[in-house]
Amino acid sequence: MQVSIDISLYPLQENYEAIILAFIAQLQQYPALELTTNGMSTQVFGAIEAVFPALQAEMQNIYERYPQAVLVMKMGKGRLTGA
């Protein structure tokens, strides 16, 4: 099953921009995921069995390194776009 996930990361510290960019760079290392970014969020597209393990690993990494971070996600079935 294909899913679309819209993710917004809010690290609650001064160097938040670098943390967000590093999080996106980590997700880009997974070849089974397709990412699109904009000024507000990152959209992740892919098969649910590839997306969830990748997100689990990277969310764990974020929370271990930055416990004061908020991660907001919305998920839909299929490849959803704003167009």
PDB file of N, CA and C in Angstrom:
ATOM      1  N   MET A   1       0.838  -1.170   0.000  1.00  0.00           N
ATOM      2  CA  MET A   1       0.000   0.000   0.000  1.00  0.00           C
ATOM      3  C   MET A   1       0.890   1.242   0.000  1.00  0.00           C
ATOM      4  N   GLN A   2       0.581   2.174  -0.864  1.00  0.00           N
ATOM      5  CA  GLN A   2       1.301   3.440  -0.934  1.00  0.00           C
ATOM      6  C   GLN A   2       0.690   4.433   0.052  1.00  0.00           C
ATOM      7  N   VAL A   3       1.551   5.233   0.683  1.00  0.00           N
ATOM      8  CA  VAL A   3       1.093   6.258   1.614  1.00  0.00           C
ATOM      9  C   VAL A   3       1.793   7.582   1.324  1.00  0.00           C
ATOM     10  N   SER A   4       1.137   8.637   1.748  1.00  0.00           N
ATOM     11  CA  SER A   4       1.696   9.984   1.717  1.00  0.00           C
ATOM     12  C   SER A   4       1.700  10.492   3.145  1.00  0.00           C
ATOM     13  N   ILE A   5       2.846  11.011   3.585  1.00  0.00           N
ATOM     14  CA  ILE A   5       2.937  11.532   4.948  1.00  0.00           C
ATOM     15  C   ILE A   5       3.499  12.945   4.881  1.00  0.00           C
ATOM     16  N   ASP A   6       2.802  13.866   5.509  1.00  0.00           N
ATOM     17  CA  ASP A   6       3.233  15.252   5.613  1.00  0.00           C
ATOM     18  C   ASP A   6       3.839  15.431   7.005  1.00  0.00           C
ATOM     19  N   ILE A   7       5.103  15.841   7.066  1.00  0.00           N
ATOM     20  CA  ILE A   7       5.829  15.926   8.330  1.00  0.00           C
ATOM     21  C   ILE A   7       6.309  17.354   8.557  1.00  0.00           C
ATOM     22  N   SER A   8       6.102  17.835   9.764  1.00  0.00           N
ATOM     23  CA  SER A   8       6.683  19.107  10.206  1.00  0.00           C
ATOM     24  C   SER A   8       7.446  18.838  11.487  1.00  0.00           C
ATOM     25  N   LEU A   9       8.718  19.224  11.513  1.00  0.00           N
ATOM     26  CA  LEU A   9       9.571  19.039  12.677  1.00  0.00           C
ATOM     27  C   LEU A   9       9.831  20.402  13.305  1.00  0.00           C
ATOM     28  N   TYR A  10       9.645  20.476  14.608  1.00  0.00           N
ATOM     29  CA  TYR A  10       9.863  21.714  15.352  1.00  0.00           C
ATOM     30  C   TYR A  10      10.832  21.457  16.498  1.00  0.00           C
ATOM     31  N   PRO A  11      12.143  21.546  16.234  1.00  0.00           N
ATOM     32  CA  PRO A  11      13.107  21.421  17.331  1.00  0.00           C
ATOM     33  C   PRO A  11      13.044  22.697  18.180  1.00  0.00           C
ATOM     34  N   LEU A  12      12.840  22.551  19.451  1.00  0.00           N
ATOM     35  CA  LEU A  12      12.647  23.707  20.318  1.00  0.00           C
ATOM     36  C   LEU A  12      13.988  24.173  20.886  1.00  0.00           C
ATOM     37  N   GLN A  13      14.832  24.654  19.970  1.00  0.00           N
ATOM     38  CA  GLN A  13      16.128  25.210  20.349  1.00  0.00           C
ATOM     39  C   GLN A  13      16.617  26.131  19.244  1.00  0.00           C
ATOM     40  N   GLU A  14      17.703  26.856  19.526  1.00  0.00           N
ATOM     41  CA  GLU A  14      18.153  27.919  18.639  1.00  0.00           C
ATOM     42  C   GLU A  14      18.571  27.455  17.251  1.00  0.00           C
ATOM     43  N   ASN A  15      19.289  26.376  17.130  1.00  0.00           N
ATOM     44  CA  ASN A  15      19.789  25.931  15.823  1.00  0.00           C
ATOM     45  C   ASN A  15      18.798  25.023  15.112  1.00  0.00           C
ATOM     46  N   TYR A  16      17.530  25.368  15.212  1.00  0.00           N
ATOM     47  CA  TYR A  16      16.460  24.516  14.684  1.00  0.00           C
ATOM     48  C   TYR A  16      16.587  24.251  13.186  1.00  0.00           C
ATOM     49  N   GLU A  17      17.022  25.244  12.417  1.00  0.00           N
ATOM     50  CA  GLU A  17      17.090  25.069  10.963  1.00  0.00           C
ATOM     51  C   GLU A  17      18.067  23.965  10.570  1.00  0.00           C
ATOM     52  N   ALA A  18      19.218  23.930  11.188  1.00  0.00           N
ATOM     53  CA  ALA A  18      20.211  22.886  10.891  1.00  0.00           C
ATOM     54  C   ALA A  18      19.684  21.503  11.262  1.00  0.00           C
ATOM     55  N   ILE A  19      18.940  21.420  12.362  1.00  0.00           N
ATOM     56  CA  ILE A  19      18.376  20.137  12.797  1.00  0.00           C
ATOM     57  C   ILE A  19      17.339  19.649  11.791  1.00  0.00           C
ATOM     58  N   ILE A  20      16.494  20.541  11.319  1.00  0.00           N
ATOM     59  CA  ILE A  20      15.478  20.180  10.329  1.00  0.00           C
ATOM     60  C   ILE A  20      16.131  19.710   9.036  1.00  0.00           C
ATOM     61  N   LEU A  21      17.134  20.448   8.565  1.00  0.00           N
ATOM     62  CA  LEU A  21      17.817  20.069   7.322  1.00  0.00           C
ATOM     63  C   LEU A  21      18.527  18.729   7.462  1.00  0.00           C
ATOM     64  N   ALA A  22      19.094  18.461   8.635  1.00  0.00           N
ATOM     65  CA  ALA A  22      19.750  17.166   8.864  1.00  0.00           C
ATOM     66  C   ALA A  22      18.726  16.035   8.882  1.00  0.00           C
ATOM     67  N   PHE A  23      17.560  16.276   9.457  1.00  0.00           N
ATOM     68  CA  PHE A  23      16.486  15.275   9.477  1.00  0.00           C
ATOM     69  C   PHE A  23      16.048  14.937   8.048  1.00  0.00           C
ATOM     70  N   ILE A  24      15.869  15.960   7.222  1.00  0.00           N
ATOM     71  CA  ILE A  24      15.487  15.740   5.828  1.00  0.00           C
ATOM     72  C   ILE A  24      16.581  14.978   5.088  1.00  0.00           C
ATOM     73  N   ALA A  25      17.832  15.349   5.325  1.00  0.00           N
ATOM     74  CA  ALA A  25      18.957  14.665   4.674  1.00  0.00           C
ATOM     75  C   ALA A  25      18.994  13.183   5.058  1.00  0.00           C
ATOM     76  N   GLN A  26      18.690  12.881   6.302  1.00  0.00           N
ATOM     77  CA  GLN A  26      18.649  11.482   6.728  1.00  0.00           C
ATOM     78  C   GLN A  26      17.547  10.721   6.007  1.00  0.00           C
ATOM     79  N   LEU A  27      16.376  11.326   5.882  1.00  0.00           N
ATOM     80  CA  LEU A  27      15.285  10.661   5.165  1.00  0.00           C
ATOM     81  C   LEU A  27      15.626  10.449   3.692  1.00  0.00           C
ATOM     82  N   GLN A  28      16.394  11.355   3.116  1.00  0.00           N
ATOM     83  CA  GLN A  28      16.779  11.228   1.706  1.00  0.00           C
ATOM     84  C   GLN A  28      17.718  10.047   1.469  1.00  0.00           C
ATOM     85  N   GLN A  29      18.285   9.487   2.518  1.00  0.00           N
ATOM     86  CA  GLN A  29      19.189   8.349   2.383  1.00  0.00           C
ATOM     87  C   GLN A  29      18.445   7.038   2.127  1.00  0.00           C
ATOM     88  N   TYR A  30      17.143   7.043   2.248  1.00  0.00           N
ATOM     89  CA  TYR A  30      16.340   5.841   2.032  1.00  0.00           C
ATOM     90  C   TYR A  30      15.853   5.828   0.578  1.00  0.00           C
ATOM     91  N   PRO A  31      16.400   4.942  -0.247  1.00  0.00           N
ATOM     92  CA  PRO A  31      16.057   4.964  -1.680  1.00  0.00           C
ATOM     93  C   PRO A  31      14.591   4.650  -1.979  1.00  0.00           C
ATOM     94  N   ALA A  32      13.889   3.985  -1.090  1.00  0.00           N
ATOM     95  CA  ALA A  32      12.490   3.625  -1.348  1.00  0.00           C
ATOM     96  C   ALA A  32      11.533   4.782  -1.061  1.00  0.00           C
ATOM     97  N   LEU A  33      12.033   5.867  -0.484  1.00  0.00           N
ATOM     98  CA  LEU A  33      11.186   7.012  -0.167  1.00  0.00           C
ATOM     99  C   LEU A  33      11.362   8.114  -1.192  1.00  0.00           C
ATOM    100  N   GLU A  34      10.270   8.773  -1.508  1.00  0.00           N
ATOM    101  CA  GLU A  34      10.313   9.966  -2.349  1.00  0.00           C
ATOM    102  C   GLU A  34       9.952  11.151  -1.460  1.00  0.00           C
ATOM    103  N   LEU A  35      10.775  12.197  -1.487  1.00  0.00           N
ATOM    104  CA  LEU A  35      10.538  13.355  -0.635  1.00  0.00           C
ATOM    105  C   LEU A  35      10.321  14.609  -1.467  1.00  0.00           C
ATOM    106  N   THR A  36       9.435  15.448  -0.974  1.00  0.00           N
ATOM    107  CA  THR A  36       9.219  16.783  -1.516  1.00  0.00           C
ATOM    108  C   THR A  36       9.201  17.721  -0.315  1.00  0.00           C
ATOM    109  N   THR A  37       9.906  18.833  -0.412  1.00  0.00           N
ATOM    110  CA  THR A  37       9.933  19.772   0.708  1.00  0.00           C
ATOM    111  C   THR A  37       9.438  21.132   0.264  1.00  0.00           C
ATOM    112  N   ASN A  38       8.931  21.876   1.241  1.00  0.00           N
ATOM    113  CA  ASN A  38       8.575  23.276   1.014  1.00  0.00           C
ATOM    114  C   ASN A  38       8.886  24.035   2.299  1.00  0.00           C
ATOM    115  N   GLY A  39       8.493  25.261   2.390  1.00  0.00           N
ATOM    116  CA  GLY A  39       8.814  26.074   3.548  1.00  0.00           C
ATOM    117  C   GLY A  39       8.110  25.672   4.833  1.00  0.00           C
ATOM    118  N   MET A  40       7.095  24.837   4.734  1.00  0.00           N
ATOM    119  CA  MET A  40       6.307  24.471   5.911  1.00  0.00           C
ATOM    120  C   MET A  40       6.473  23.016   6.352  1.00  0.00           C
ATOM    121  N   SER A  41       6.746  22.118   5.402  1.00  0.00           N
ATOM    122  CA  SER A  41       6.782  20.701   5.760  1.00  0.00           C
ATOM    123  C   SER A  41       7.532  19.900   4.703  1.00  0.00           C
ATOM    124  N   THR A  42       7.655  18.619   4.994  1.00  0.00           N
ATOM    125  CA  THR A  42       8.233  17.653   4.064  1.00  0.00           C
ATOM    126  C   THR A  42       7.185  16.591   3.799  1.00  0.00           C
ATOM    127  N   GLN A  43       6.993  16.250   2.542  1.00  0.00           N
ATOM    128  CA  GLN A  43       6.080  15.177   2.179  1.00  0.00           C
ATOM    129  C   GLN A  43       6.904  13.944   1.823  1.00  0.00           C
ATOM    130  N   VAL A  44       6.507  12.828   2.392  1.00  0.00           N
ATOM    131  CA  VAL A  44       7.171  11.549   2.153  1.00  0.00           C
ATOM    132  C   VAL A  44       6.168  10.631   1.472  1.00  0.00           C
ATOM    133  N   PHE A  45       6.597  10.039   0.376  1.00  0.00           N
ATOM    134  CA  PHE A  45       5.753   9.121  -0.385  1.00  0.00           C
ATOM    135  C   PHE A  45       6.471   7.785  -0.510  1.00  0.00           C
ATOM    136  N   GLY A  46       5.716   6.698  -0.425  1.00  0.00           N
ATOM    137  CA  GLY A  46       6.306   5.383  -0.613  1.00  0.00           C
ATOM    138  C   GLY A  46       5.410   4.289  -0.088  1.00  0.00           C
ATOM    139  N   ALA A  47       5.919   3.075  -0.189  1.00  0.00           N
ATOM    140  CA  ALA A  47       5.198   1.911   0.324  1.00  0.00           C
ATOM    141  C   ALA A  47       5.240   1.937   1.844  1.00  0.00           C
ATOM    142  N   ILE A  48       4.108   1.652   2.455  1.00  0.00           N
ATOM    143  CA  ILE A  48       3.999   1.735   3.913  1.00  0.00           C
ATOM    144  C   ILE A  48       5.056   0.887   4.610  1.00  0.00           C
ATOM    145  N   GLU A  49       5.393  -0.271   4.037  1.00  0.00           N
ATOM    146  CA  GLU A  49       6.385  -1.138   4.672  1.00  0.00           C
ATOM    147  C   GLU A  49       7.807  -0.583   4.571  1.00  0.00           C
ATOM    148  N   ALA A  50       8.043   0.412   3.720  1.00  0.00           N
ATOM    149  CA  ALA A  50       9.342   1.091   3.651  1.00  0.00           C
ATOM    150  C   ALA A  50       9.332   2.400   4.435  1.00  0.00           C
ATOM    151  N   VAL A  51       8.201   3.091   4.399  1.00  0.00           N
ATOM    152  CA  VAL A  51       8.104   4.402   5.039  1.00  0.00           C
ATOM    153  C   VAL A  51       8.152   4.289   6.557  1.00  0.00           C
ATOM    154  N   PHE A  52       7.379   3.399   7.139  1.00  0.00           N
ATOM    155  CA  PHE A  52       7.292   3.333   8.597  1.00  0.00           C
ATOM    156  C   PHE A  52       8.619   2.981   9.274  1.00  0.00           C
ATOM    157  N   PRO A  53       9.367   1.972   8.799  1.00  0.00           N
ATOM    158  CA  PRO A  53      10.659   1.697   9.450  1.00  0.00           C
ATOM    159  C   PRO A  53      11.632   2.872   9.335  1.00  0.00           C
ATOM    160  N   ALA A  54      11.616   3.550   8.200  1.00  0.00           N
ATOM    161  CA  ALA A  54      12.504   4.708   8.026  1.00  0.00           C
ATOM    162  C   ALA A  54      12.123   5.824   8.990  1.00  0.00           C
ATOM    163  N   LEU A  55      10.836   6.119   9.080  1.00  0.00           N
ATOM    164  CA  LEU A  55      10.384   7.166   9.996  1.00  0.00           C
ATOM    165  C   LEU A  55      10.651   6.784  11.453  1.00  0.00           C
ATOM    166  N   GLN A  56      10.435   5.529  11.787  1.00  0.00           N
ATOM    167  CA  GLN A  56      10.695   5.087  13.152  1.00  0.00           C
ATOM    168  C   GLN A  56      12.160   5.304  13.514  1.00  0.00           C
ATOM    169  N   ALA A  57      13.058   4.911  12.636  1.00  0.00           N
ATOM    170  CA  ALA A  57      14.489   5.061  12.906  1.00  0.00           C
ATOM    171  C   ALA A  57      14.882   6.531  13.045  1.00  0.00           C
ATOM    172  N   GLU A  58      14.405   7.364  12.150  1.00  0.00           N
ATOM    173  CA  GLU A  58      14.798   8.776  12.175  1.00  0.00           C
ATOM    174  C   GLU A  58      14.103   9.556  13.287  1.00  0.00           C
ATOM    175  N   MET A  59      12.880   9.182  13.642  1.00  0.00           N
ATOM    176  CA  MET A  59      12.216   9.811  14.785  1.00  0.00           C
ATOM    177  C   MET A  59      12.953   9.457  16.074  1.00  0.00           C
ATOM    178  N   GLN A  60      13.347   8.219  16.203  1.00  0.00           N
ATOM    179  CA  GLN A  60      14.098   7.807  17.390  1.00  0.00           C
ATOM    180  C   GLN A  60      15.407   8.589  17.478  1.00  0.00           C
ATOM    181  N   ASN A  61      16.079   8.752  16.352  1.00  0.00           N
ATOM    182  CA  ASN A  61      17.329   9.517  16.315  1.00  0.00           C
ATOM    183  C   ASN A  61      17.096  10.961  16.761  1.00  0.00           C
ATOM    184  N   ILE A  62      16.043  11.574  16.251  1.00  0.00           N
ATOM    185  CA  ILE A  62      15.733  12.962  16.618  1.00  0.00           C
ATOM    186  C   ILE A  62      15.467  13.072  18.114  1.00  0.00           C
ATOM    187  N   TYR A  63      14.613  12.207  18.654  1.00  0.00           N
ATOM    188  CA  TYR A  63      14.241  12.317  20.064  1.00  0.00           C
ATOM    189  C   TYR A  63      15.380  11.955  21.013  1.00  0.00           C
ATOM    190  N   GLU A  64      16.298  11.089  20.572  1.00  0.00           N
ATOM    191  CA  GLU A  64      17.473  10.797  21.394  1.00  0.00           C
ATOM    192  C   GLU A  64      18.410  11.999  21.450  1.00  0.00           C
ATOM    193  N   ARG A  65      18.540  12.693  20.337  1.00  0.00           N
ATOM    194  CA  ARG A  65      19.461  13.839  20.270  1.00  0.00           C
ATOM    195  C   ARG A  65      18.824  15.141  20.727  1.00  0.00           C
ATOM    196  N   TYR A  66      17.524  15.300  20.490  1.00  0.00           N
ATOM    197  CA  TYR A  66      16.827  16.558  20.785  1.00  0.00           C
ATOM    198  C   TYR A  66      15.496  16.251  21.471  1.00  0.00           C
ATOM    199  N   PRO A  67      15.508  16.000  22.759  1.00  0.00           N
ATOM    200  CA  PRO A  67      14.276  15.600  23.437  1.00  0.00           C
ATOM    201  C   PRO A  67      13.204  16.683  23.458  1.00  0.00           C
ATOM    202  N   GLN A  68      13.563  17.913  23.168  1.00  0.00           N
ATOM    203  CA  GLN A  68      12.589  19.000  23.160  1.00  0.00           C
ATOM    204  C   GLN A  68      12.117  19.309  21.743  1.00  0.00           C
ATOM    205  N   ALA A  69      11.902  18.291  20.949  1.00  0.00           N
ATOM    206  CA  ALA A  69      11.427  18.461  19.572  1.00  0.00           C
ATOM    207  C   ALA A  69       9.977  17.993  19.463  1.00  0.00           C
ATOM    208  N   VAL A  70       9.242  18.650  18.582  1.00  0.00           N
ATOM    209  CA  VAL A  70       7.864  18.259  18.290  1.00  0.00           C
ATOM    210  C   VAL A  70       7.813  17.839  16.828  1.00  0.00           C
ATOM    211  N   LEU A  71       7.209  16.698  16.564  1.00  0.00           N
ATOM    212  CA  LEU A  71       7.077  16.181  15.210  1.00  0.00           C
ATOM    213  C   LEU A  71       5.592  16.000  14.926  1.00  0.00           C
ATOM    214  N   VAL A  72       5.096  16.687  13.890  1.00  0.00           N
ATOM    215  CA  VAL A  72       3.687  16.621  13.527  1.00  0.00           C
ATOM    216  C   VAL A  72       3.582  15.888  12.194  1.00  0.00           C
ATOM    217  N   MET A  73       2.719  14.855  12.135  1.00  0.00           N
ATOM    218  CA  MET A  73       2.557  14.087  10.903  1.00  0.00           C
ATOM    219  C   MET A  73       1.087  13.924  10.564  1.00  0.00           C
ATOM    220  N   LYS A  74       0.818  13.979   9.253  1.00  0.00           N
ATOM    221  CA  LYS A  74      -0.507  13.642   8.715  1.00  0.00           C
ATOM    222  C   LYS A  74      -0.274  12.587   7.651  1.00  0.00           C
ATOM    223  N   MET A  75      -1.125  11.580   7.604  1.00  0.00           N
ATOM    224  CA  MET A  75      -0.925  10.496   6.655  1.00  0.00           C
ATOM    225  C   MET A  75      -2.205  10.231   5.876  1.00  0.00           C
ATOM    226  N   GLY A  76      -2.022   9.929   4.604  1.00  0.00           N
ATOM    227  CA  GLY A  76      -3.136   9.535   3.757  1.00  0.00           C
ATOM    228  C   GLY A  76      -2.737   8.358   2.896  1.00  0.00           C
ATOM    229  N   LYS A  77      -3.711   7.608   2.481  1.00  0.00           N
ATOM    230  CA  LYS A  77      -3.481   6.454   1.610  1.00  0.00           C
ATOM    231  C   LYS A  77      -3.264   6.938   0.189  1.00  0.00           C
ATOM    232  N   GLY A  78      -2.301   6.324  -0.489  1.00  0.00           N
ATOM    233  CA  GLY A  78      -2.004   6.683  -1.869  1.00  0.00           C
ATOM    234  C   GLY A  78      -0.991   7.808  -1.958  1.00  0.00           C
ATOM    235  N   ARG A  79      -0.774   8.263  -3.175  1.00  0.00           N
ATOM    236  CA  ARG A  79       0.159   9.373  -3.396  1.00  0.00           C
ATOM    237  C   ARG A  79      -0.658  10.637  -3.526  1.00  0.00           C
ATOM    238  N   LEU A  80      -0.739  11.379  -2.449  1.00  0.00           N
ATOM    239  CA  LEU A  80      -1.526  12.604  -2.412  1.00  0.00           C
ATOM    240  C   LEU A  80      -0.645  13.799  -2.715  1.00  0.00           C
ATOM    241  N   THR A  81      -1.142  14.706  -3.497  1.00  0.00           N
ATOM    242  CA  THR A  81      -0.423  15.947  -3.786  1.00  0.00           C
ATOM    243  C   THR A  81      -1.383  17.102  -3.667  1.00  0.00           C
ATOM    244  N   GLY A  82      -0.829  18.294  -3.581  1.00  0.00           N
ATOM    245  CA  GLY A  82      -1.661  19.494  -3.483  1.00  0.00           C
ATOM    246  C   GLY A  82      -2.209  19.947  -4.820  1.00  0.00           C
ATOM    247  N   ALA A  83      -1.748  19.330  -5.907  1.00  0.00           N
ATOM    248  CA  ALA A  83      -2.190  19.768  -7.245  1.00  0.00           C
ATOM    249  C   ALA A  83      -3.480  19.105  -7.657  1.00  0.00           C
TER     250      ALA A  83
END
